[in-house]
Amino acid sequence: MADEDWLGSNLERIGPNGVGLCGACRRLGHCRLGLTSETLGPDGVVVTELVCGPENEGGPDVAHGGWTAGAFDEMLGHVMILRGELAVTGQLAVTYVKPVPVGRPLLGRTWLDHQEGHRRYVKGELLLLPSRTVLATASAVMVSRDPGHFARHRAWLASVDAAQNGDAAQNGDAAQNGDAAQNGDAAQNGDAAQGAQ
């Protein structure tokens, strides 16, 4: 998938009900994490409706903690996307207050707390509806990036792979030479043992 197809590359809301979709979710046509609608209010707070699906159940009828962290990562990142800025997660902290029920309507509230240089400090809370009971809170440091971020990442990863493949080829030669030496020792030892009989 081309960079321009991924959420944040063109800074447009590209999913139904205003939910920005990452590349994999865009292919599915919905958010795999259960976000069903999101809006950026005039107060700067992003309000997200979501549901934890049964495929993310951890304990009996409760969400896996990883789902909660993943949902926060998505919602906190959307604070910046909806403001017209691409930012990636630098740090994420989640405080689990109560178990998150599976299959029940939830509300996420996320907002930009402050910024320093390229760092955007965002916060959020996950509420059970209709009671608005706080189930979890989160804070993150999002790092502002330009649209070339993903292309640079791919180039870096290709260089890591190339170096790894070079090491593997060298290690393969060394292992092969080691096997030959070991086989030579065994043959020599076998010959010596045979000669001693």
C-alpha atoms as a PDB file:
ATOM      1  CA  MET A   1       0.000   0.000   0.000  1.00  0.00           C
ATOM      2  CA  ALA A   2       1.345   3.427  -0.908  1.00  0.00           C
ATOM      3  CA  ASP A   3       2.151   5.964   1.810  1.00  0.00           C
ATOM      4  CA  GLU A   4      -0.667   8.230   0.626  1.00  0.00           C
ATOM      5  CA  ASP A   5      -3.186   5.488   1.450  1.00  0.00           C
ATOM      6  CA  TRP A   6      -2.273   5.437   5.137  1.00  0.00           C
ATOM      7  CA  LEU A   7      -3.954   7.511   7.813  1.00  0.00           C
ATOM      8  CA  GLY A   8      -2.059  10.701   8.413  1.00  0.00           C
ATOM      9  CA  SER A   9      -0.349  10.901   5.045  1.00  0.00           C
ATOM     10  CA  ASN A  10      -2.964  13.265   3.637  1.00  0.00           C
ATOM     11  CA  LEU A  11      -4.360  14.312   7.032  1.00  0.00           C
ATOM     12  CA  GLU A  12      -7.933  13.617   5.967  1.00  0.00           C
ATOM     13  CA  ARG A  13     -10.562  11.599   7.773  1.00  0.00           C
ATOM     14  CA  ILE A  14     -10.974   8.665   5.432  1.00  0.00           C
ATOM     15  CA  GLY A  15     -13.258   6.279   7.291  1.00  0.00           C
ATOM     16  CA  PRO A  16     -16.988   6.159   7.944  1.00  0.00           C
ATOM     17  CA  ASN A  17     -18.396   8.375  10.714  1.00  0.00           C
ATOM     18  CA  GLY A  18     -15.223  10.439  10.760  1.00  0.00           C
ATOM     19  CA  VAL A  19     -13.071   7.593  12.087  1.00  0.00           C
ATOM     20  CA  GLY A  20      -9.588   7.786  10.609  1.00  0.00           C
ATOM     21  CA  LEU A  21      -8.484   4.358   9.449  1.00  0.00           C
ATOM     22  CA  CYS A  22      -4.949   2.993   9.313  1.00  0.00           C
ATOM     23  CA  GLY A  23      -3.948   1.205   6.117  1.00  0.00           C
ATOM     24  CA  ALA A  24      -4.976  -2.274   7.262  1.00  0.00           C
ATOM     25  CA  CYS A  25      -8.332  -1.056   8.610  1.00  0.00           C
ATOM     26  CA  ARG A  26      -8.965   0.968   5.483  1.00  0.00           C
ATOM     27  CA  ARG A  27      -8.790  -2.248   3.451  1.00  0.00           C
ATOM     28  CA  LEU A  28     -11.380  -3.769   5.823  1.00  0.00           C
ATOM     29  CA  GLY A  29     -13.607  -0.692   5.744  1.00  0.00           C
ATOM     30  CA  HIS A  30     -13.810  -0.410   9.538  1.00  0.00           C
ATOM     31  CA  CYS A  31     -11.587  -0.030  12.597  1.00  0.00           C
ATOM     32  CA  ARG A  32     -10.406  -3.404  13.951  1.00  0.00           C
ATOM     33  CA  LEU A  33     -10.193  -1.858  17.419  1.00  0.00           C
ATOM     34  CA  GLY A  34     -13.909  -1.044  17.483  1.00  0.00           C
ATOM     35  CA  LEU A  35     -13.858   2.742  17.021  1.00  0.00           C
ATOM     36  CA  THR A  36     -17.214   3.594  15.448  1.00  0.00           C
ATOM     37  CA  SER A  37     -17.289   7.414  15.438  1.00  0.00           C
ATOM     38  CA  GLU A  38     -15.066  10.318  16.423  1.00  0.00           C
ATOM     39  CA  THR A  39     -15.387  14.074  16.421  1.00  0.00           C
ATOM     40  CA  LEU A  40     -13.072  16.924  17.323  1.00  0.00           C
ATOM     41  CA  GLY A  41     -15.052  19.355  19.440  1.00  0.00           C
ATOM     42  CA  PRO A  42     -14.597  23.128  19.576  1.00  0.00           C
ATOM     43  CA  ASP A  43     -12.939  22.647  22.982  1.00  0.00           C
ATOM     44  CA  GLY A  44     -10.197  20.539  21.344  1.00  0.00           C
ATOM     45  CA  VAL A  45     -11.415  17.269  22.877  1.00  0.00           C
ATOM     46  CA  VAL A  46     -11.808  14.301  20.538  1.00  0.00           C
ATOM     47  CA  VAL A  47     -14.874  12.254  21.492  1.00  0.00           C
ATOM     48  CA  THR A  48     -14.782   8.659  20.258  1.00  0.00           C
ATOM     49  CA  GLU A  49     -17.480   6.015  20.459  1.00  0.00           C
ATOM     50  CA  LEU A  50     -16.159   2.465  20.532  1.00  0.00           C
ATOM     51  CA  VAL A  51     -16.904  -1.114  21.549  1.00  0.00           C
ATOM     52  CA  CYS A  52     -14.490  -3.882  22.496  1.00  0.00           C
ATOM     53  CA  GLY A  53     -15.446  -6.873  20.362  1.00  0.00           C
ATOM     54  CA  PRO A  54     -15.457 -10.478  21.625  1.00  0.00           C
ATOM     55  CA  GLU A  55     -12.290 -11.244  19.645  1.00  0.00           C
ATOM     56  CA  ASN A  56     -10.422  -9.023  22.153  1.00  0.00           C
ATOM     57  CA  GLU A  57     -11.712 -10.738  25.297  1.00  0.00           C
ATOM     58  CA  GLY A  58      -8.998 -11.335  27.894  1.00  0.00           C
ATOM     59  CA  GLY A  59     -10.789 -12.556  31.013  1.00  0.00           C
ATOM     60  CA  PRO A  60     -14.440 -13.596  31.171  1.00  0.00           C
ATOM     61  CA  ASP A  61     -16.444 -10.803  29.483  1.00  0.00           C
ATOM     62  CA  VAL A  62     -13.623  -8.259  29.873  1.00  0.00           C
ATOM     63  CA  ALA A  63     -11.216  -6.739  27.388  1.00  0.00           C
ATOM     64  CA  HIS A  64      -7.615  -7.852  27.134  1.00  0.00           C
ATOM     65  CA  GLY A  65      -5.396  -5.099  28.526  1.00  0.00           C
ATOM     66  CA  GLY A  66      -3.599  -4.965  25.186  1.00  0.00           C
ATOM     67  CA  TRP A  67      -6.850  -3.996  23.485  1.00  0.00           C
ATOM     68  CA  THR A  68      -7.275  -1.103  25.917  1.00  0.00           C
ATOM     69  CA  ALA A  69      -3.709   0.075  25.260  1.00  0.00           C
ATOM     70  CA  GLY A  70      -4.168  -0.312  21.496  1.00  0.00           C
ATOM     71  CA  ALA A  71      -7.448   1.616  21.540  1.00  0.00           C
ATOM     72  CA  PHE A  72      -5.790   4.424  23.511  1.00  0.00           C
ATOM     73  CA  ASP A  73      -2.835   4.484  21.104  1.00  0.00           C
ATOM     74  CA  GLU A  74      -5.270   4.925  18.216  1.00  0.00           C
ATOM     75  CA  MET A  75      -7.424   7.556  19.944  1.00  0.00           C
ATOM     76  CA  LEU A  76      -4.479   9.582  21.267  1.00  0.00           C
ATOM     77  CA  GLY A  77      -2.869   9.584  17.817  1.00  0.00           C
ATOM     78  CA  HIS A  78      -6.101  10.790  16.253  1.00  0.00           C
ATOM     79  CA  VAL A  79      -5.951  13.918  18.428  1.00  0.00           C
ATOM     80  CA  MET A  80      -3.058  15.036  16.244  1.00  0.00           C
ATOM     81  CA  ILE A  81      -4.432  13.696  12.942  1.00  0.00           C
ATOM     82  CA  LEU A  82      -7.699  15.586  13.449  1.00  0.00           C
ATOM     83  CA  ARG A  83      -5.661  18.737  14.077  1.00  0.00           C
ATOM     84  CA  GLY A  84      -3.905  18.245  10.736  1.00  0.00           C
ATOM     85  CA  GLU A  85      -0.593  16.909  12.051  1.00  0.00           C
ATOM     86  CA  LEU A  86       1.120  13.556  11.584  1.00  0.00           C
ATOM     87  CA  ALA A  87       2.584  12.326  14.870  1.00  0.00           C
ATOM     88  CA  VAL A  88       3.784   8.906  15.970  1.00  0.00           C
ATOM     89  CA  THR A  89       3.762   7.366  19.428  1.00  0.00           C
ATOM     90  CA  GLY A  90       6.947   7.936  21.400  1.00  0.00           C
ATOM     91  CA  GLN A  91       5.626   6.822  24.782  1.00  0.00           C
ATOM     92  CA  LEU A  92       2.297   5.477  26.041  1.00  0.00           C
ATOM     93  CA  ALA A  93       1.189   4.924  29.640  1.00  0.00           C
ATOM     94  CA  VAL A  94      -2.147   3.366  30.579  1.00  0.00           C
ATOM     95  CA  THR A  95      -3.706   3.251  34.042  1.00  0.00           C
ATOM     96  CA  TYR A  96      -6.294   0.481  34.317  1.00  0.00           C
ATOM     97  CA  VAL A  97      -9.005   1.585  36.776  1.00  0.00           C
ATOM     98  CA  LYS A  98     -11.733  -1.042  36.243  1.00  0.00           C
ATOM     99  CA  PRO A  99     -12.118  -4.009  33.892  1.00  0.00           C
ATOM    100  CA  VAL A 100     -13.354  -2.929  30.454  1.00  0.00           C
ATOM    101  CA  PRO A 101     -16.478  -4.910  29.520  1.00  0.00           C
ATOM    102  CA  VAL A 102     -16.704  -6.611  26.126  1.00  0.00           C
ATOM    103  CA  GLY A 103     -19.613  -5.701  23.848  1.00  0.00           C
ATOM    104  CA  ARG A 104     -20.730  -2.617  25.785  1.00  0.00           C
ATOM    105  CA  PRO A 105     -20.766   0.973  24.477  1.00  0.00           C
ATOM    106  CA  LEU A 106     -17.701   2.945  25.515  1.00  0.00           C
ATOM    107  CA  LEU A 107     -16.665   6.561  25.147  1.00  0.00           C
ATOM    108  CA  GLY A 108     -13.128   7.819  24.671  1.00  0.00           C
ATOM    109  CA  ARG A 109     -12.174  11.407  25.422  1.00  0.00           C
ATOM    110  CA  THR A 110      -8.710  12.520  24.303  1.00  0.00           C
ATOM    111  CA  TRP A 111      -7.022  15.916  24.112  1.00  0.00           C
ATOM    112  CA  LEU A 112      -3.744  17.750  23.603  1.00  0.00           C
ATOM    113  CA  ASP A 113      -2.427  18.777  27.018  1.00  0.00           C
ATOM    114  CA  HIS A 114       0.640  20.720  25.873  1.00  0.00           C
ATOM    115  CA  GLN A 115       3.541  20.611  23.443  1.00  0.00           C
ATOM    116  CA  GLU A 116       7.298  21.124  23.571  1.00  0.00           C
ATOM    117  CA  GLY A 117       9.191  21.265  20.286  1.00  0.00           C
ATOM    118  CA  HIS A 118       8.252  18.171  18.260  1.00  0.00           C
ATOM    119  CA  ARG A 119       6.660  16.464  21.275  1.00  0.00           C
ATOM    120  CA  ARG A 120       2.898  16.551  21.775  1.00  0.00           C
ATOM    121  CA  TYR A 121       1.660  15.508  25.218  1.00  0.00           C
ATOM    122  CA  VAL A 122      -1.814  14.022  24.937  1.00  0.00           C
ATOM    123  CA  LYS A 123      -4.147  12.572  27.548  1.00  0.00           C
ATOM    124  CA  GLY A 124      -7.326  10.570  27.543  1.00  0.00           C
ATOM    125  CA  GLU A 125      -9.901   8.566  29.409  1.00  0.00           C
ATOM    126  CA  LEU A 126     -12.089   5.585  28.575  1.00  0.00           C
ATOM    127  CA  LEU A 127     -15.627   5.674  29.988  1.00  0.00           C
ATOM    128  CA  LEU A 128     -18.425   3.122  30.248  1.00  0.00           C
ATOM    129  CA  LEU A 129     -21.739   4.319  28.829  1.00  0.00           C
ATOM    130  CA  PRO A 130     -24.249   5.396  29.912  1.00  0.00           C
ATOM    131  CA  SER A 131     -22.846   5.755  33.466  1.00  0.00           C
ATOM    132  CA  ARG A 132     -19.631   7.499  32.306  1.00  0.00           C
ATOM    133  CA  THR A 133     -17.661   5.455  34.833  1.00  0.00           C
ATOM    134  CA  VAL A 134     -13.920   5.861  34.231  1.00  0.00           C
ATOM    135  CA  LEU A 135     -12.451   2.496  33.217  1.00  0.00           C
ATOM    136  CA  ALA A 136      -8.935   3.608  32.262  1.00  0.00           C
ATOM    137  CA  THR A 137      -6.835   6.706  31.661  1.00  0.00           C
ATOM    138  CA  ALA A 138      -3.820   7.244  29.451  1.00  0.00           C
ATOM    139  CA  SER A 139      -1.123   9.715  28.569  1.00  0.00           C
ATOM    140  CA  ALA A 140       1.220   9.679  25.621  1.00  0.00           C
ATOM    141  CA  VAL A 141       4.041  11.572  24.051  1.00  0.00           C
ATOM    142  CA  MET A 142       3.369  11.845  20.333  1.00  0.00           C
ATOM    143  CA  VAL A 143       6.275  12.954  18.159  1.00  0.00           C
ATOM    144  CA  SER A 144       5.488  15.192  15.193  1.00  0.00           C
ATOM    145  CA  ARG A 145       6.724  13.816  11.856  1.00  0.00           C
ATOM    146  CA  ASP A 146       6.778  15.009   8.253  1.00  0.00           C
ATOM    147  CA  PRO A 147       5.147  12.973   5.452  1.00  0.00           C
ATOM    148  CA  GLY A 148       8.521  11.374   4.524  1.00  0.00           C
ATOM    149  CA  HIS A 149       8.645   9.544   7.867  1.00  0.00           C
ATOM    150  CA  PHE A 150       7.449   6.171   6.557  1.00  0.00           C
ATOM    151  CA  ALA A 151       9.724   6.248   3.486  1.00  0.00           C
ATOM    152  CA  ARG A 152      12.716   6.888   5.775  1.00  0.00           C
ATOM    153  CA  HIS A 153      11.625   4.000   7.984  1.00  0.00           C
ATOM    154  CA  ARG A 154      11.467   1.622   5.011  1.00  0.00           C
ATOM    155  CA  ALA A 155      14.937   2.738   3.857  1.00  0.00           C
ATOM    156  CA  TRP A 156      16.349   2.194   7.348  1.00  0.00           C
ATOM    157  CA  LEU A 157      14.756  -1.256   7.602  1.00  0.00           C
ATOM    158  CA  ALA A 158      16.147  -2.211   4.178  1.00  0.00           C
ATOM    159  CA  SER A 159      19.649  -1.243   5.359  1.00  0.00           C
ATOM    160  CA  VAL A 160      19.202  -3.345   8.514  1.00  0.00           C
ATOM    161  CA  ASP A 161      18.042  -6.295   6.401  1.00  0.00           C
ATOM    162  CA  ALA A 162      20.977  -5.877   4.015  1.00  0.00           C
ATOM    163  CA  ALA A 163      23.442  -5.819   6.905  1.00  0.00           C
ATOM    164  CA  GLN A 164      21.726  -8.836   8.471  1.00  0.00           C
ATOM    165  CA  ASN A 165      21.841 -10.754   5.188  1.00  0.00           C
ATOM    166  CA  GLY A 166      25.532  -9.918   4.831  1.00  0.00           C
ATOM    167  CA  ASP A 167      26.181 -11.196   8.365  1.00  0.00           C
ATOM    168  CA  ALA A 168      24.117 -14.309   7.692  1.00  0.00           C
ATOM    169  CA  ALA A 169      26.132 -15.074   4.574  1.00  0.00           C
ATOM    170  CA  GLN A 170      29.377 -14.617   6.510  1.00  0.00           C
ATOM    171  CA  ASN A 171      28.055 -16.681   9.423  1.00  0.00           C
ATOM    172  CA  GLY A 172      26.873 -19.347   6.997  1.00  0.00           C
ATOM    173  CA  ASP A 173      30.377 -19.593   5.542  1.00  0.00           C
ATOM    174  CA  ALA A 174      31.859 -19.760   9.031  1.00  0.00           C
ATOM    175  CA  ALA A 175      29.359 -22.394  10.106  1.00  0.00           C
ATOM    176  CA  GLN A 176      30.044 -24.402   6.981  1.00  0.00           C
ATOM    177  CA  ASN A 177      33.784 -24.143   7.595  1.00  0.00           C
ATOM    178  CA  GLY A 178      33.217 -25.087  11.227  1.00  0.00           C
ATOM    179  CA  ASP A 179      31.202 -28.134  10.153  1.00  0.00           C
ATOM    180  CA  ALA A 180      33.958 -29.144   7.760  1.00  0.00           C
ATOM    181  CA  ALA A 181      36.562 -28.773  10.477  1.00  0.00           C
ATOM    182  CA  GLN A 182      34.395 -30.720  12.900  1.00  0.00           C
ATOM    183  CA  ASN A 183      33.785 -33.448  10.319  1.00  0.00           C
ATOM    184  CA  GLY A 184      37.504 -33.534   9.597  1.00  0.00           C
ATOM    185  CA  ASP A 185      38.239 -33.968  13.314  1.00  0.00           C
ATOM    186  CA  ALA A 186      35.664 -36.753  13.539  1.00  0.00           C
ATOM    187  CA  ALA A 187      37.086 -38.479  10.494  1.00  0.00           C
ATOM    188  CA  GLN A 188      40.589 -38.070  11.832  1.00  0.00           C
ATOM    189  CA  ASN A 189      39.536 -39.344  15.267  1.00  0.00           C
ATOM    190  CA  GLY A 190      37.698 -42.228  13.632  1.00  0.00           C
ATOM    191  CA  ASP A 191      40.760 -43.085  11.591  1.00  0.00           C
ATOM    192  CA  ALA A 192      42.914 -42.942  14.706  1.00  0.00           C
ATOM    193  CA  ALA A 193      40.492 -45.145  16.629  1.00  0.00           C
ATOM    194  CA  GLN A 194      40.337 -47.598  13.744  1.00  0.00           C
ATOM    195  CA  GLY A 195      44.127 -47.651  13.490  1.00  0.00           C
ATOM    196  CA  ALA A 196      44.435 -48.386  17.230  1.00  0.00           C
ATOM    197  CA  GLN A 197      42.383 -51.567  16.929  1.00  0.00           C
END
